[in-house]
Amino acid sequence: MTQGSRAATRPDQPEGAGLDAGPADLPPGTTALREAGGRAVLVAHAAGQWFAAGALCPHAGLPMEGARVRGGDVICPHHGARFCLASGRHRGPPATRGLEVFRAVEAGGRIRVFLP
């Protein structure tokens, strides 16, 4: 089991929210928008780890669908804002603030996201 970014688990979600995706659906170096616990999240598979983040870019509020993975970063498909997948920290303009991130793991052939 691999783990990406960290976030506290909700008491009513001790095992994380399951996604409608498994490892075969997201090859390394890819991202996808999925629903976890009734919330849209961006899921990324990079460097052998799973990451989950908010579905909207904090720069313009546009969906991160189609975001590209570069190393340990994700790049917004609309204006090129760059964010660290592990911490959410913005690494390049035009964003001036970070992306919300959540802990993500692979368990039982599915990806699970731990929402706050």
C-alpha atoms as a PDB file:
ATOM      1  CA  MET A   1       0.000   0.000   0.000  1.00  0.00           C
ATOM      2  CA  THR A   2       1.427   3.415  -0.945  1.00  0.00           C
ATOM      3  CA  GLN A   3       0.484   6.737   0.499  1.00  0.00           C
ATOM      4  CA  GLY A   4       0.492  10.308  -0.796  1.00  0.00           C
ATOM      5  CA  SER A   5      -0.394  13.516   1.001  1.00  0.00           C
ATOM      6  CA  ARG A   6      -1.545  13.537   4.611  1.00  0.00           C
ATOM      7  CA  ALA A   7      -4.836  14.748   6.076  1.00  0.00           C
ATOM      8  CA  ALA A   8      -6.835  13.859   9.158  1.00  0.00           C
ATOM      9  CA  THR A   9      -9.556  11.267   8.726  1.00  0.00           C
ATOM     10  CA  ARG A  10     -13.164  12.009   9.536  1.00  0.00           C
ATOM     11  CA  PRO A  11     -14.584   9.915  12.391  1.00  0.00           C
ATOM     12  CA  ASP A  12     -17.420   8.778  10.115  1.00  0.00           C
ATOM     13  CA  GLN A  13     -14.890   7.694   7.443  1.00  0.00           C
ATOM     14  CA  PRO A  14     -12.353   5.570   9.314  1.00  0.00           C
ATOM     15  CA  GLU A  15     -11.353   3.733   6.156  1.00  0.00           C
ATOM     16  CA  GLY A  16     -11.449   6.642   3.724  1.00  0.00           C
ATOM     17  CA  ALA A  17     -13.872   7.314   0.921  1.00  0.00           C
ATOM     18  CA  GLY A  18     -13.678   4.856  -1.942  1.00  0.00           C
ATOM     19  CA  LEU A  19     -13.270   6.086  -5.490  1.00  0.00           C
ATOM     20  CA  ASP A  20     -14.767   4.702  -8.632  1.00  0.00           C
ATOM     21  CA  ALA A  21     -11.213   3.917  -9.736  1.00  0.00           C
ATOM     22  CA  GLY A  22      -8.491   1.400  -9.208  1.00  0.00           C
ATOM     23  CA  PRO A  23      -4.818   1.283 -10.092  1.00  0.00           C
ATOM     24  CA  ALA A  24      -5.561  -0.046 -13.593  1.00  0.00           C
ATOM     25  CA  ASP A  25      -7.706   3.047 -14.302  1.00  0.00           C
ATOM     26  CA  LEU A  26      -4.877   5.497 -13.536  1.00  0.00           C
ATOM     27  CA  PRO A  27      -1.503   4.494 -14.944  1.00  0.00           C
ATOM     28  CA  PRO A  28       1.598   6.207 -13.520  1.00  0.00           C
ATOM     29  CA  GLY A  29       1.887   9.849 -14.552  1.00  0.00           C
ATOM     30  CA  THR A  30      -1.851  10.416 -14.989  1.00  0.00           C
ATOM     31  CA  THR A  31      -4.641  12.314 -13.226  1.00  0.00           C
ATOM     32  CA  ALA A  32      -8.426  12.031 -13.190  1.00  0.00           C
ATOM     33  CA  LEU A  33     -11.342  13.795 -11.558  1.00  0.00           C
ATOM     34  CA  ARG A  34     -13.332  11.384  -9.418  1.00  0.00           C
ATOM     35  CA  GLU A  35     -15.897  11.513  -6.623  1.00  0.00           C
ATOM     36  CA  ALA A  36     -14.973  10.551  -3.061  1.00  0.00           C
ATOM     37  CA  GLY A  37     -17.409  10.867  -0.183  1.00  0.00           C
ATOM     38  CA  GLY A  38     -19.751  13.009  -2.295  1.00  0.00           C
ATOM     39  CA  ARG A  39     -16.970  15.437  -3.213  1.00  0.00           C
ATOM     40  CA  ALA A  40     -15.091  15.887  -6.499  1.00  0.00           C
ATOM     41  CA  VAL A  41     -11.350  15.309  -6.134  1.00  0.00           C
ATOM     42  CA  LEU A  42      -8.369  15.205  -8.457  1.00  0.00           C
ATOM     43  CA  VAL A  43      -6.520  11.899  -8.129  1.00  0.00           C
ATOM     44  CA  ALA A  44      -2.950  11.565  -9.363  1.00  0.00           C
ATOM     45  CA  HIS A  45      -0.611   8.609  -9.710  1.00  0.00           C
ATOM     46  CA  ALA A  46       2.999   9.788  -9.616  1.00  0.00           C
ATOM     47  CA  ALA A  47       6.337   8.319  -8.579  1.00  0.00           C
ATOM     48  CA  GLY A  48       4.675   5.117  -7.350  1.00  0.00           C
ATOM     49  CA  GLN A  49       2.359   7.003  -4.999  1.00  0.00           C
ATOM     50  CA  TRP A  50      -1.270   8.103  -4.972  1.00  0.00           C
ATOM     51  CA  PHE A  51      -2.258  11.712  -4.365  1.00  0.00           C
ATOM     52  CA  ALA A  52      -5.607  13.467  -4.031  1.00  0.00           C
ATOM     53  CA  ALA A  53      -6.379  17.172  -4.203  1.00  0.00           C
ATOM     54  CA  GLY A  54      -9.216  19.617  -4.606  1.00  0.00           C
ATOM     55  CA  ALA A  55     -10.900  19.441  -8.008  1.00  0.00           C
ATOM     56  CA  LEU A  56     -10.680  23.191  -8.678  1.00  0.00           C
ATOM     57  CA  CYS A  57      -7.586  25.268  -9.334  1.00  0.00           C
ATOM     58  CA  PRO A  58      -7.313  27.998  -6.668  1.00  0.00           C
ATOM     59  CA  HIS A  59      -6.165  30.482  -9.318  1.00  0.00           C
ATOM     60  CA  ALA A  60      -9.370  30.758 -11.366  1.00  0.00           C
ATOM     61  CA  GLY A  61     -11.704  28.147  -9.847  1.00  0.00           C
ATOM     62  CA  LEU A  62     -11.626  26.036 -13.007  1.00  0.00           C
ATOM     63  CA  PRO A  63     -11.675  22.215 -12.908  1.00  0.00           C
ATOM     64  CA  MET A  64      -8.307  20.472 -12.776  1.00  0.00           C
ATOM     65  CA  GLU A  65      -9.570  17.817 -15.208  1.00  0.00           C
ATOM     66  CA  GLY A  66      -6.808  17.150 -17.730  1.00  0.00           C
ATOM     67  CA  ALA A  67      -4.053  18.270 -15.326  1.00  0.00           C
ATOM     68  CA  ARG A  68      -0.589  16.967 -16.200  1.00  0.00           C
ATOM     69  CA  VAL A  69       1.883  15.336 -13.833  1.00  0.00           C
ATOM     70  CA  ARG A  70       5.494  16.529 -13.998  1.00  0.00           C
ATOM     71  CA  GLY A  71       7.757  14.917 -11.443  1.00  0.00           C
ATOM     72  CA  GLY A  72       6.109  15.520  -8.071  1.00  0.00           C
ATOM     73  CA  ASP A  73       3.956  18.367  -9.364  1.00  0.00           C
ATOM     74  CA  VAL A  74       0.603  18.722 -11.071  1.00  0.00           C
ATOM     75  CA  ILE A  75       0.020  21.438 -13.690  1.00  0.00           C
ATOM     76  CA  CYS A  76      -3.370  23.063 -14.210  1.00  0.00           C
ATOM     77  CA  PRO A  77      -4.580  22.523 -17.785  1.00  0.00           C
ATOM     78  CA  HIS A  78      -6.059  26.026 -18.099  1.00  0.00           C
ATOM     79  CA  HIS A  79      -3.349  28.516 -17.167  1.00  0.00           C
ATOM     80  CA  GLY A  80      -0.345  26.367 -16.263  1.00  0.00           C
ATOM     81  CA  ALA A  81      -0.314  26.931 -12.492  1.00  0.00           C
ATOM     82  CA  ARG A  82       1.962  24.355 -10.865  1.00  0.00           C
ATOM     83  CA  PHE A  83       1.370  22.642  -7.488  1.00  0.00           C
ATOM     84  CA  CYS A  84       3.288  20.145  -5.350  1.00  0.00           C
ATOM     85  CA  LEU A  85       1.264  16.920  -5.211  1.00  0.00           C
ATOM     86  CA  ALA A  86       2.411  16.059  -1.679  1.00  0.00           C
ATOM     87  CA  SER A  87       1.867  19.430   0.030  1.00  0.00           C
ATOM     88  CA  GLY A  88      -0.401  21.340  -2.356  1.00  0.00           C
ATOM     89  CA  ARG A  89       2.012  24.301  -2.263  1.00  0.00           C
ATOM     90  CA  HIS A  90       1.910  26.468  -5.382  1.00  0.00           C
ATOM     91  CA  ARG A  91       5.195  26.374  -7.254  1.00  0.00           C
ATOM     92  CA  GLY A  92       4.494  28.643 -10.158  1.00  0.00           C
ATOM     93  CA  PRO A  93       2.264  31.430 -11.405  1.00  0.00           C
ATOM     94  CA  PRO A  94      -0.373  32.392 -12.012  1.00  0.00           C
ATOM     95  CA  ALA A  95      -1.537  30.736  -8.750  1.00  0.00           C
ATOM     96  CA  THR A  96      -0.666  32.589  -5.565  1.00  0.00           C
ATOM     97  CA  ARG A  97      -2.011  30.007  -3.121  1.00  0.00           C
ATOM     98  CA  GLY A  98      -1.889  26.267  -2.774  1.00  0.00           C
ATOM     99  CA  LEU A  99      -4.162  23.417  -3.722  1.00  0.00           C
ATOM    100  CA  GLU A 100      -6.025  21.547  -0.963  1.00  0.00           C
ATOM    101  CA  VAL A 101      -4.599  18.006  -0.636  1.00  0.00           C
ATOM    102  CA  PHE A 102      -5.829  14.793   0.997  1.00  0.00           C
ATOM    103  CA  ARG A 103      -4.222  11.508   1.946  1.00  0.00           C
ATOM    104  CA  ALA A 104      -4.762   8.815  -0.679  1.00  0.00           C
ATOM    105  CA  VAL A 105      -3.929   5.104  -0.513  1.00  0.00           C
ATOM    106  CA  GLU A 106      -4.400   1.975  -2.553  1.00  0.00           C
ATOM    107  CA  ALA A 107      -6.211  -0.744  -0.608  1.00  0.00           C
ATOM    108  CA  GLY A 108      -7.946  -3.861  -1.834  1.00  0.00           C
ATOM    109  CA  GLY A 109      -7.456  -2.918  -5.472  1.00  0.00           C
ATOM    110  CA  ARG A 110      -9.200   0.443  -5.044  1.00  0.00           C
ATOM    111  CA  ILE A 111      -8.021   3.962  -4.312  1.00  0.00           C
ATOM    112  CA  ARG A 112      -9.230   5.475  -1.046  1.00  0.00           C
ATOM    113  CA  VAL A 113      -9.154   9.163  -0.141  1.00  0.00           C
ATOM    114  CA  PHE A 114      -9.266  10.530   3.401  1.00  0.00           C
ATOM    115  CA  LEU A 115     -11.283  13.752   3.456  1.00  0.00           C
ATOM    116  CA  PRO A 116     -11.235  16.234   6.359  1.00  0.00           C
END
